[in-house]
Protein backbone atom coordinates (compact mmCIF):
# COMPACT_ATOMS: atom_id res chain seq x y z
CA UNK A 1 -146.03 -225.68 105.65
CA UNK A 2 -147.14 -222.81 103.64
CA UNK A 3 -144.32 -220.72 104.96
CA UNK A 4 -141.79 -223.43 104.28
CA UNK A 5 -142.99 -223.76 100.67
CA UNK A 6 -142.73 -220.04 100.21
CA UNK A 7 -139.26 -220.02 101.57
CA UNK A 8 -138.30 -222.91 99.40
CA UNK A 9 -139.84 -221.14 96.44
CA UNK A 10 -138.02 -217.95 97.31
CA UNK A 11 -134.73 -219.71 97.67
CA UNK A 12 -135.34 -221.57 94.42
CA UNK A 13 -136.11 -218.53 92.34
CA UNK A 14 -134.06 -215.84 94.00
CA UNK A 15 -130.65 -217.17 92.98
CA UNK A 16 -131.67 -217.61 89.35
CA UNK A 17 -133.12 -214.11 89.02
CA UNK A 18 -130.11 -212.75 90.88
CA UNK A 19 -127.78 -214.54 88.48
CA UNK A 20 -129.82 -213.33 85.52
CA UNK A 21 -129.76 -209.70 86.62
CA UNK A 22 -126.07 -209.97 87.51
CA UNK A 23 -125.36 -211.41 84.04
CA UNK A 24 -127.26 -208.60 82.32
CA UNK A 25 -125.40 -205.97 84.31
CA UNK A 26 -122.09 -207.63 83.53
CA UNK A 27 -123.05 -207.74 79.82
CA UNK A 28 -124.04 -204.06 79.88
CA UNK A 29 -120.77 -203.09 81.58
CA UNK A 30 -118.72 -204.75 78.84
CA UNK A 31 -117.05 -202.27 76.61
CA UNK A 32 -118.49 -202.05 73.15
CA UNK A 33 -115.70 -203.02 70.75
CA UNK A 34 -114.46 -200.02 68.82
CA UNK A 35 -111.85 -199.65 66.16
CA UNK A 36 -108.51 -198.77 67.60
CA UNK A 37 -106.99 -195.78 65.89
CA UNK A 38 -103.37 -196.13 65.17
CA UNK A 39 -102.05 -192.91 66.59
CA UNK A 40 -98.59 -193.58 65.16
CA UNK A 41 -99.72 -193.83 61.53
CA UNK A 42 -98.82 -190.19 60.69
CA UNK A 43 -95.40 -190.71 62.27
CA UNK A 44 -94.85 -193.84 60.18
CA UNK A 45 -95.90 -192.04 56.99
CA UNK A 46 -93.65 -189.06 57.65
CA UNK A 47 -90.77 -191.40 58.52
CA UNK A 48 -91.24 -193.35 55.28
CA UNK A 49 -91.32 -190.11 53.28
CA UNK A 50 -88.10 -188.90 54.91
CA UNK A 51 -86.38 -192.23 54.18
CA UNK A 52 -87.47 -192.07 50.52
CA UNK A 53 -86.27 -188.49 50.12
CA UNK A 54 -82.90 -189.18 51.75
CA UNK A 55 -82.49 -192.31 49.61
CA UNK A 56 -83.24 -190.38 46.44
CA UNK A 57 -80.76 -187.64 47.40
CA UNK A 58 -78.06 -190.24 48.08
CA UNK A 59 -78.84 -191.94 44.75
CA UNK A 60 -78.51 -188.66 42.85
CA UNK A 61 -75.28 -187.81 44.70
CA UNK A 62 -73.73 -191.17 43.88
CA UNK A 63 -74.68 -190.86 40.23
CA UNK A 64 -73.20 -187.37 40.10
CA UNK A 65 -69.96 -188.48 41.80
CA UNK A 66 -69.50 -191.43 39.44
CA UNK A 67 -69.83 -189.21 36.39
CA UNK A 68 -73.26 -190.53 35.46
CA UNK A 69 -75.61 -187.72 36.51
CA UNK A 70 -79.36 -187.78 36.07
CA UNK A 71 -80.09 -185.58 33.07
CA UNK A 72 -83.42 -183.86 33.43
CA UNK A 73 -83.32 -181.78 30.25
CA UNK A 74 -81.21 -181.14 27.17
CA UNK A 75 -79.56 -178.19 28.89
CA UNK A 76 -78.12 -180.62 31.50
CA UNK A 77 -76.11 -182.47 28.84
CA UNK A 78 -72.42 -181.50 29.02
CA UNK A 79 -71.27 -179.56 25.95
CA UNK A 80 -67.87 -179.64 24.25
CA UNK A 81 -66.45 -177.25 21.69
CA UNK A 82 -65.72 -178.42 18.16
CA UNK A 83 -61.97 -177.84 18.67
CA UNK A 84 -61.94 -179.95 21.85
CA UNK A 85 -63.93 -182.73 20.09
CA UNK A 86 -61.52 -182.80 17.15
CA UNK A 87 -58.52 -182.92 19.50
CA UNK A 88 -60.05 -185.76 21.57
CA UNK A 89 -60.82 -187.83 18.44
CA UNK A 90 -57.33 -187.24 16.95
CA UNK A 91 -55.70 -188.28 20.24
CA UNK A 92 -58.01 -191.32 20.34
CA UNK A 93 -59.44 -190.28 23.71
CA UNK A 94 -63.00 -190.17 22.35
CA UNK A 95 -65.18 -191.77 19.70
CA UNK A 96 -67.19 -189.45 17.46
CA UNK A 97 -70.72 -190.78 16.81
CA UNK A 98 -72.97 -189.44 14.06
CA UNK A 99 -76.58 -190.01 15.19
CA UNK A 100 -78.23 -188.93 11.91
CA UNK A 101 -79.83 -191.38 9.50
CA UNK A 102 -77.58 -193.66 7.43
CA UNK A 103 -78.39 -191.74 4.22
CA UNK A 104 -77.39 -188.44 5.84
CA UNK A 105 -74.17 -190.04 7.08
CA UNK A 106 -73.43 -191.34 3.57
CA UNK A 107 -73.96 -187.87 2.08
CA UNK A 108 -71.39 -186.28 4.41
CA UNK A 109 -69.95 -186.83 7.85
CA UNK A 110 -67.19 -185.66 10.13
CA UNK A 111 -63.75 -187.22 9.76
CA UNK A 112 -63.31 -190.23 12.08
CA UNK A 113 -66.98 -190.52 13.01
CA UNK A 114 -69.04 -193.69 13.06
CA UNK A 115 -72.70 -193.94 12.13
CA UNK A 116 -75.17 -194.95 14.84
CA UNK A 117 -78.59 -193.57 13.88
CA UNK A 118 -80.62 -192.36 16.84
CA UNK A 119 -83.75 -194.00 15.41
CA UNK A 120 -82.01 -197.38 15.88
CA UNK A 121 -80.66 -196.65 19.36
CA UNK A 122 -82.17 -199.78 20.92
CA UNK A 123 -80.18 -202.01 18.57
CA UNK A 124 -76.76 -200.50 19.26
CA UNK A 125 -76.81 -198.92 22.71
CA UNK A 126 -75.91 -202.20 24.45
CA UNK A 127 -72.83 -202.61 22.25
CA UNK A 128 -71.18 -199.44 23.56
CA UNK A 129 -68.14 -199.67 25.82
CA UNK A 130 -69.11 -198.19 29.18
CA UNK A 131 -65.57 -196.96 29.79
CA UNK A 132 -65.21 -195.11 26.46
CA UNK A 133 -65.94 -191.42 25.90
CA UNK A 134 -68.50 -190.92 23.14
CA UNK A 135 -69.08 -187.55 21.53
CA UNK A 136 -72.34 -187.47 19.60
CA UNK A 137 -73.46 -185.03 16.95
CA UNK A 138 -76.48 -184.76 14.72
CA UNK A 139 -75.92 -181.72 12.51
């Protein structure tokens, strides 16, 4: 009977220790979760940068083609000679705008000009006709 009890004991405990050790090994073999690196992130960033640059170049090109270029400095503003300005105003092709203060305009101004002081630009800029040619002067 002693041998039978031992065998019964062995069969009782062996499966549980086997399952326990098998479970530990399986747990140890599991991969430790790590952060996945997005290997395509630099490609996405470069692609987005290219799209932005191309979009900006198209935007500038369209503005230039429509006669409304982006002016980066005062030297980018188109200039016109006094003779051409006078001829355009006389032929009613352009409107001459004096951008000095009202008191300076009252003291003296060019023939045919209208007063729109630069200091008050926010109050009158929306009233301008977008199709008209305005020639501004301040001296």
